[in-house]
Amino acid sequence: MKLPKTVLAAAVTAAASTPTLAVEFEEPKFYGYLSAGALKTDDQDFEAEGYEIELGLLGKASVSESLNLNYAVEVDLAPAANSADDPTTGRDGEADVHVKEAKFWLPTQYGLFVVAPRGTSGQWRDIYGPINHYEYNEPHAALNADGIFAQPDRTSGTFAYHTPWFMKTKLVFAAITLNDSNDQNADGRAVRLVHRSGNLEFAVGTTVLKQEQLPAFT
């Protein structure tokens, strides 16, 4: 991909021409979440099932008094935990760990910059998040590919920019890479308008996909 290489080259050039900075890493905050229950289906025995077994950390690196680079990493261990009694895999708890969050964000006076190899879709969070109060509303593939929402709740390869808040309103622009082998640097482009004022929240957005990312019959 050309875009990440260009960004990386620019970052290396900037680092080479910038005086050495004393970066201070604050102690990260660890957290966890467990969602489990008993499961019985027609073709499976009665068993304990882990729906979400999540571990994560939030941290911050202080570059200067007014410049802080934040990061978040979160993994879901449920697939690995549930695979221990899966006769089709035989891996005894060695299924892939699901990375749910892996992102960096840099707040500045000129706006917020985000780089997210993997993370929660900002479009989904701002538009659908406020009404996603119940477990069955979440787009779990085991229940329904899209749940009750057509917008996926996760995205990958995202570069985003949030304008500074003005009159409790901001604009967000994002470039998203969904396929790194189709000769398209950004498979999707998204923009949304967000307004927050007390108990009133309003958001509207749209996402445009490149033709190469769509099914052949589209």
Protein backbone atom coordinates (compact mmCIF):
# COMPACT_ATOMS: atom_id res chain seq x y z
CA MET A 1 0.00 0.00 0.00
CA LYS A 2 1.32 3.41 -0.92
CA LEU A 3 -0.41 5.56 1.68
CA PRO A 4 0.95 3.88 4.86
CA LYS A 5 4.47 3.82 3.37
CA THR A 6 4.20 7.52 2.58
CA VAL A 7 2.95 8.30 6.08
CA LEU A 8 5.71 6.19 7.62
CA ALA A 9 8.37 7.90 5.50
CA ALA A 10 7.04 11.30 6.53
CA ALA A 11 7.09 10.26 10.19
CA VAL A 12 10.68 9.05 9.94
CA THR A 13 11.73 12.27 8.20
CA ALA A 14 10.01 14.36 10.84
CA ALA A 15 11.67 12.38 13.61
CA ALA A 16 15.09 12.82 12.03
CA SER A 17 14.68 16.59 11.75
CA THR A 18 13.11 17.13 15.18
CA PRO A 19 15.12 17.61 18.39
CA THR A 20 14.99 14.65 20.76
CA LEU A 21 11.82 14.70 22.88
CA ALA A 22 11.54 13.28 26.36
CA VAL A 23 8.44 11.11 26.16
CA GLU A 24 6.94 10.11 29.49
CA PHE A 25 4.70 7.07 29.61
CA GLU A 26 2.04 7.07 32.28
CA GLU A 27 1.10 3.82 34.00
CA PRO A 28 -1.63 2.23 31.84
CA LYS A 29 -5.07 1.37 33.20
CA PHE A 30 -6.11 -2.25 32.89
CA TYR A 31 -9.71 -3.40 32.71
CA GLY A 32 -11.71 -6.51 31.98
CA TYR A 33 -15.20 -7.63 31.04
CA LEU A 34 -16.83 -11.05 31.30
CA SER A 35 -20.09 -12.11 29.67
CA ALA A 36 -20.92 -15.80 30.06
CA GLY A 37 -23.88 -18.10 30.43
CA ALA A 38 -25.33 -21.54 29.95
CA LEU A 39 -25.98 -22.66 26.36
CA LYS A 40 -28.12 -25.53 25.09
CA THR A 41 -28.94 -26.06 21.43
CA ASP A 42 -30.47 -28.97 19.53
CA ASP A 43 -27.16 -30.20 18.14
CA GLN A 44 -24.93 -29.46 21.14
CA ASP A 45 -24.66 -30.57 24.74
CA PHE A 46 -25.57 -28.30 27.63
CA GLU A 47 -22.46 -26.25 28.43
CA ALA A 48 -21.04 -23.06 29.85
CA GLU A 49 -20.29 -20.55 27.09
CA GLY A 50 -18.17 -17.41 27.21
CA TYR A 51 -19.78 -14.76 25.03
CA GLU A 52 -17.20 -12.06 25.70
CA ILE A 53 -14.03 -12.41 27.78
CA GLU A 54 -12.26 -9.12 27.27
CA LEU A 55 -9.01 -7.72 28.60
CA GLY A 56 -7.77 -4.25 27.75
CA LEU A 57 -5.53 -1.39 28.66
CA LEU A 58 -5.62 2.36 28.18
CA GLY A 59 -2.50 4.47 28.31
CA LYS A 60 -0.98 7.81 27.51
CA ALA A 61 2.44 9.07 26.50
CA SER A 62 3.16 12.71 27.33
CA VAL A 63 5.23 14.34 24.60
CA SER A 64 4.88 17.82 26.11
CA GLU A 65 2.63 19.60 28.58
CA SER A 66 -0.04 20.10 25.94
CA LEU A 67 0.56 17.08 23.68
CA ASN A 68 -0.45 13.58 24.77
CA LEU A 69 -0.54 10.46 22.60
CA ASN A 70 -3.24 8.09 23.83
CA TYR A 71 -3.49 4.41 23.02
CA ALA A 72 -5.88 1.53 23.63
CA VAL A 73 -5.55 -2.23 23.19
CA GLU A 74 -8.37 -4.70 23.82
CA VAL A 75 -8.62 -8.43 23.10
CA ASP A 76 -11.49 -10.90 23.34
CA LEU A 77 -10.46 -14.35 24.59
CA ALA A 78 -13.91 -15.97 24.27
CA PRO A 79 -13.16 -17.85 21.00
CA ALA A 80 -10.04 -19.39 22.53
CA ALA A 81 -11.85 -20.30 25.74
CA ASN A 82 -14.79 -21.89 23.93
CA SER A 83 -12.64 -23.88 21.49
CA ALA A 84 -11.38 -26.15 24.29
CA ASP A 85 -14.43 -28.44 23.92
CA ASP A 86 -14.94 -27.98 20.19
CA PRO A 87 -14.47 -31.39 18.47
CA THR A 88 -14.03 -29.75 15.06
CA THR A 89 -10.87 -27.87 16.06
CA GLY A 90 -9.13 -30.11 18.57
CA ARG A 91 -6.92 -27.20 19.56
CA ASP A 92 -7.77 -27.33 23.25
CA GLY A 93 -8.16 -23.60 23.81
CA GLU A 94 -5.77 -22.47 21.10
CA ALA A 95 -8.20 -20.59 18.85
CA ASP A 96 -7.21 -17.16 17.59
CA VAL A 97 -7.45 -14.27 20.02
CA HIS A 98 -9.85 -11.63 18.70
CA VAL A 99 -8.32 -8.14 18.68
CA LYS A 100 -11.17 -5.65 19.19
CA GLU A 101 -9.19 -2.45 19.73
CA ALA A 102 -5.72 -1.34 18.65
CA LYS A 103 -5.65 2.40 18.14
CA PHE A 104 -3.85 5.67 18.83
CA TRP A 105 -5.32 9.15 19.07
CA LEU A 106 -3.68 12.54 19.43
CA PRO A 107 -5.76 15.48 20.73
CA THR A 108 -4.47 18.91 19.69
CA GLN A 109 -5.80 22.44 19.52
CA TYR A 110 -6.29 21.87 15.79
CA GLY A 111 -8.46 18.80 16.26
CA LEU A 112 -8.15 15.11 17.03
CA PHE A 113 -6.06 12.73 14.90
CA VAL A 114 -6.71 8.98 15.00
CA VAL A 115 -4.77 5.98 13.64
CA ALA A 116 -6.55 2.67 14.21
CA PRO A 117 -5.31 -0.64 12.76
CA ARG A 118 -8.40 -2.08 14.47
CA GLY A 119 -11.11 -0.42 16.52
CA THR A 120 -14.70 0.54 17.13
CA SER A 121 -16.25 2.26 14.13
CA GLY A 122 -16.68 5.93 15.00
CA GLN A 123 -19.62 6.09 12.60
CA TRP A 124 -21.30 3.22 14.44
CA ARG A 125 -20.47 4.61 17.89
CA ASP A 126 -21.82 8.12 17.28
CA ILE A 127 -24.94 7.14 15.32
CA TYR A 128 -25.99 3.75 16.74
CA GLY A 129 -24.12 3.64 20.05
CA PRO A 130 -26.57 5.76 22.09
CA ILE A 131 -29.42 3.30 21.42
CA ASN A 132 -27.36 0.11 21.75
CA HIS A 133 -28.32 -0.61 25.35
CA TYR A 134 -29.12 -4.29 25.11
CA GLU A 135 -26.99 -7.33 24.37
CA TYR A 136 -29.27 -8.58 21.57
CA ASN A 137 -28.86 -5.30 19.71
CA GLU A 138 -25.18 -5.95 19.14
CA PRO A 139 -24.26 -7.29 15.67
CA HIS A 140 -23.05 -10.74 16.74
CA ALA A 141 -22.37 -12.88 13.68
CA ALA A 142 -23.63 -15.99 15.49
CA LEU A 143 -27.10 -14.48 15.73
CA ASN A 144 -27.29 -12.33 12.63
CA ALA A 145 -24.59 -10.99 10.35
CA ASP A 146 -25.70 -7.40 10.91
CA GLY A 147 -27.88 -7.57 14.03
CA ILE A 148 -30.47 -4.81 13.76
CA PHE A 149 -27.88 -2.41 12.31
CA ALA A 150 -26.44 -2.49 8.81
CA GLN A 151 -23.32 -0.58 9.88
CA PRO A 152 -20.55 -2.88 11.23
CA ASP A 153 -19.42 -1.98 14.75
CA ARG A 154 -15.72 -2.54 14.00
CA THR A 155 -13.39 -1.25 11.33
CA SER A 156 -9.75 -1.63 10.36
CA GLY A 157 -6.98 0.40 8.79
CA THR A 158 -8.54 3.74 9.73
CA PHE A 159 -7.09 7.24 9.54
CA ALA A 160 -9.48 9.85 10.97
CA TYR A 161 -9.58 13.54 11.75
CA HIS A 162 -12.05 15.22 14.13
CA THR A 163 -12.38 18.99 13.85
CA PRO A 164 -12.34 21.01 17.07
CA TRP A 165 -15.76 21.36 18.73
CA PHE A 166 -17.58 24.52 17.63
CA MET A 167 -20.97 25.37 19.11
CA LYS A 168 -21.03 21.83 20.53
CA THR A 169 -20.65 20.42 17.00
CA LYS A 170 -17.81 18.69 15.16
CA LEU A 171 -17.09 17.14 11.77
CA VAL A 172 -15.25 13.85 11.35
CA PHE A 173 -13.48 12.64 8.21
CA ALA A 174 -12.09 9.10 7.87
CA ALA A 175 -10.26 6.98 5.30
CA ILE A 176 -10.65 3.23 5.77
CA THR A 177 -8.66 0.34 4.29
CA LEU A 178 -10.76 -2.83 4.14
CA ASN A 179 -8.66 -4.73 1.61
CA ASP A 180 -4.92 -4.17 1.28
CA SER A 181 -4.52 -6.06 -2.00
CA ASN A 182 -6.92 -4.34 -4.41
CA ASP A 183 -4.66 -1.43 -5.44
CA GLN A 184 -6.86 1.06 -3.58
CA ASN A 185 -5.29 3.01 -0.72
CA ALA A 186 -8.65 3.85 0.84
CA ASP A 187 -11.50 1.43 0.18
CA GLY A 188 -13.96 3.58 2.12
CA ARG A 189 -14.37 7.25 2.95
CA ALA A 190 -16.65 8.39 5.72
CA VAL A 191 -17.86 11.74 6.98
CA ARG A 192 -20.23 12.55 9.82
CA LEU A 193 -21.59 15.54 11.72
CA VAL A 194 -21.99 15.19 15.49
CA HIS A 195 -23.81 17.58 17.85
CA ARG A 196 -23.94 17.11 21.62
CA SER A 197 -25.73 19.47 23.97
CA GLY A 198 -26.72 18.17 27.38
CA ASN A 199 -29.20 15.33 26.93
CA LEU A 200 -29.56 16.09 23.22
CA GLU A 201 -27.35 14.16 20.83
CA PHE A 202 -27.60 14.33 17.06
CA ALA A 203 -25.43 12.62 14.46
CA VAL A 204 -25.66 12.01 10.74
CA GLY A 205 -23.09 10.44 8.45
CA THR A 206 -22.39 8.61 5.24
CA THR A 207 -19.81 6.11 3.98
CA VAL A 208 -18.71 5.77 0.36
CA LEU A 209 -17.01 2.56 -0.81
CA LYS A 210 -14.77 2.12 -3.83
CA GLN A 211 -16.12 -0.04 -6.63
CA GLU A 212 -13.23 -2.50 -6.13
CA GLN A 213 -14.48 -3.23 -2.61
CA LEU A 214 -18.02 -4.09 -3.68
CA PRO A 215 -19.20 -7.54 -4.82
CA ALA A 216 -18.73 -8.28 -8.51
CA PHE A 217 -22.49 -8.20 -9.21
CA THR A 218 -22.91 -4.71 -7.74
